[in-house]
C-alpha atoms as a PDB file:
ATOM      1  CA  MET A   1       3.838  -5.359 -30.687  1.00  0.00           C
ATOM      2  CA  PHE A   2       3.266  -3.029 -27.781  1.00  0.00           C
ATOM      3  CA  ILE A   3       1.270   0.110 -28.666  1.00  0.00           C
ATOM      4  CA  PHE A   4       1.436   3.253 -26.542  1.00  0.00           C
ATOM      5  CA  THR A   5      -0.616   6.442 -26.635  1.00  0.00           C
ATOM      6  CA  ALA A   6      -0.477   9.758 -24.805  1.00  0.00           C
ATOM      7  CA  THR A   7      -2.636   8.355 -22.004  1.00  0.00           C
ATOM      8  CA  SER A   8      -0.594   5.190 -21.399  1.00  0.00           C
ATOM      9  CA  GLY A   9       1.095   6.581 -18.267  1.00  0.00           C
ATOM     10  CA  LYS A  10       3.480   4.096 -16.633  1.00  0.00           C
ATOM     11  CA  ASP A  11       3.766   0.603 -18.048  1.00  0.00           C
ATOM     12  CA  ARG A  12       5.979  -2.445 -17.613  1.00  0.00           C
ATOM     13  CA  ILE A  13       6.667  -4.934 -20.399  1.00  0.00           C
ATOM     14  CA  VAL A  14       7.787  -8.286 -19.012  1.00  0.00           C
ATOM     15  CA  ASP A  15       7.706 -10.475 -22.131  1.00  0.00           C
ATOM     16  CA  PHE A  16       9.512  -8.300 -24.699  1.00  0.00           C
ATOM     17  CA  GLU A  17      11.525 -10.350 -27.201  1.00  0.00           C
ATOM     18  CA  GLN A  18      14.201  -8.298 -28.895  1.00  0.00           C
ATOM     19  CA  GLY A  19      14.231  -8.776 -32.649  1.00  0.00           C
ATOM     20  CA  ILE A  20      10.610  -9.988 -32.581  1.00  0.00           C
ATOM     21  CA  ASP A  21       8.622  -7.390 -30.603  1.00  0.00           C
ATOM     22  CA  VAL A  22       8.553  -3.636 -31.121  1.00  0.00           C
ATOM     23  CA  ILE A  23       7.308  -0.709 -29.072  1.00  0.00           C
ATOM     24  CA  ASN A  24       4.904   1.258 -31.254  1.00  0.00           C
ATOM     25  CA  LEU A  25       4.966   4.994 -30.562  1.00  0.00           C
ATOM     26  CA  ARG A  26       3.342   6.033 -33.861  1.00  0.00           C
ATOM     27  CA  LYS A  27       0.337   7.572 -32.066  1.00  0.00           C
ATOM     28  CA  LEU A  28       2.718  10.029 -30.383  1.00  0.00           C
ATOM     29  CA  ASP A  29       4.482  12.891 -32.117  1.00  0.00           C
ATOM     30  CA  VAL A  30       7.974  11.722 -31.118  1.00  0.00           C
ATOM     31  CA  ASP A  31      11.124  10.243 -32.581  1.00  0.00           C
ATOM     32  CA  PHE A  32      14.090   8.420 -31.066  1.00  0.00           C
ATOM     33  CA  SER A  33      15.776  11.664 -30.000  1.00  0.00           C
ATOM     34  CA  ASP A  34      12.758  12.449 -27.767  1.00  0.00           C
ATOM     35  CA  LEU A  35      13.276   9.305 -25.686  1.00  0.00           C
ATOM     36  CA  VAL A  36      15.267   9.258 -22.462  1.00  0.00           C
ATOM     37  CA  ILE A  37      16.532   5.702 -21.967  1.00  0.00           C
ATOM     38  CA  SER A  38      18.078   4.977 -18.586  1.00  0.00           C
ATOM     39  CA  ASP A  39      19.659   1.740 -17.402  1.00  0.00           C
ATOM     40  CA  GLY A  40      19.158   0.468 -20.975  1.00  0.00           C
ATOM     41  CA  ASN A  41      15.552  -0.512 -20.359  1.00  0.00           C
ATOM     42  CA  VAL A  42      13.565   2.378 -18.855  1.00  0.00           C
ATOM     43  CA  VAL A  43      12.121   4.752 -21.462  1.00  0.00           C
ATOM     44  CA  THR A  44      10.723   8.139 -20.474  1.00  0.00           C
ATOM     45  CA  ILE A  45       9.068  10.579 -22.829  1.00  0.00           C
ATOM     46  CA  GLU A  46       8.521  13.877 -21.070  1.00  0.00           C
ATOM     47  CA  GLY A  47       5.561  16.178 -21.568  1.00  0.00           C
ATOM     48  CA  ILE A  48       3.146  13.735 -23.169  1.00  0.00           C
ATOM     49  CA  ASP A  49      -0.433  14.806 -22.419  1.00  0.00           C
ATOM     50  CA  SER A  50       0.614  17.029 -19.473  1.00  0.00           C
ATOM     51  CA  SER A  51       2.581  14.185 -17.883  1.00  0.00           C
ATOM     52  CA  ASP A  52       5.351  11.734 -18.654  1.00  0.00           C
ATOM     53  CA  LEU A  53       5.092   8.365 -20.338  1.00  0.00           C
ATOM     54  CA  THR A  54       7.359   5.762 -18.736  1.00  0.00           C
ATOM     55  CA  ILE A  55       7.905   2.284 -20.144  1.00  0.00           C
ATOM     56  CA  THR A  56      10.019  -0.277 -18.310  1.00  0.00           C
ATOM     57  CA  VAL A  57      11.097  -3.305 -20.322  1.00  0.00           C
ATOM     58  CA  SER A  58      12.357  -6.276 -18.321  1.00  0.00           C
ATOM     59  CA  GLY A  59      15.343  -8.201 -19.665  1.00  0.00           C
ATOM     60  CA  ALA A  60      16.234  -6.003 -22.640  1.00  0.00           C
ATOM     61  CA  THR A  61      18.691  -3.263 -23.548  1.00  0.00           C
ATOM     62  CA  LEU A  62      16.681  -1.094 -25.904  1.00  0.00           C
ATOM     63  CA  THR A  63      17.937   0.375 -29.171  1.00  0.00           C
ATOM     64  CA  GLU A  64      16.289   2.470 -31.884  1.00  0.00           C
ATOM     65  CA  SER A  65      15.343  -0.697 -33.808  1.00  0.00           C
ATOM     66  CA  ASP A  66      13.042  -1.722 -30.916  1.00  0.00           C
ATOM     67  CA  PHE A  67      10.664   1.189 -31.688  1.00  0.00           C
ATOM     68  CA  LEU A  68       8.236   2.224 -34.419  1.00  0.00           C
ATOM     69  CA  PHE A  69       7.779   5.975 -34.940  1.00  0.00           C
END
């Protein structure tokens, strides 16, 4: 499980295993519709703590089931 908060900034996940790992965004007040997913693996959430949170996940095409809200 990968846990992110408002101060996480920019992060890269290189060992994400789809169906096993999840990206935990429960500490943020967001849901799937707040995410901007580009190229299938770069997640941006705008306006978190006066900046953007960007998560890049190597080797995965992310879907809603990859996140906890």
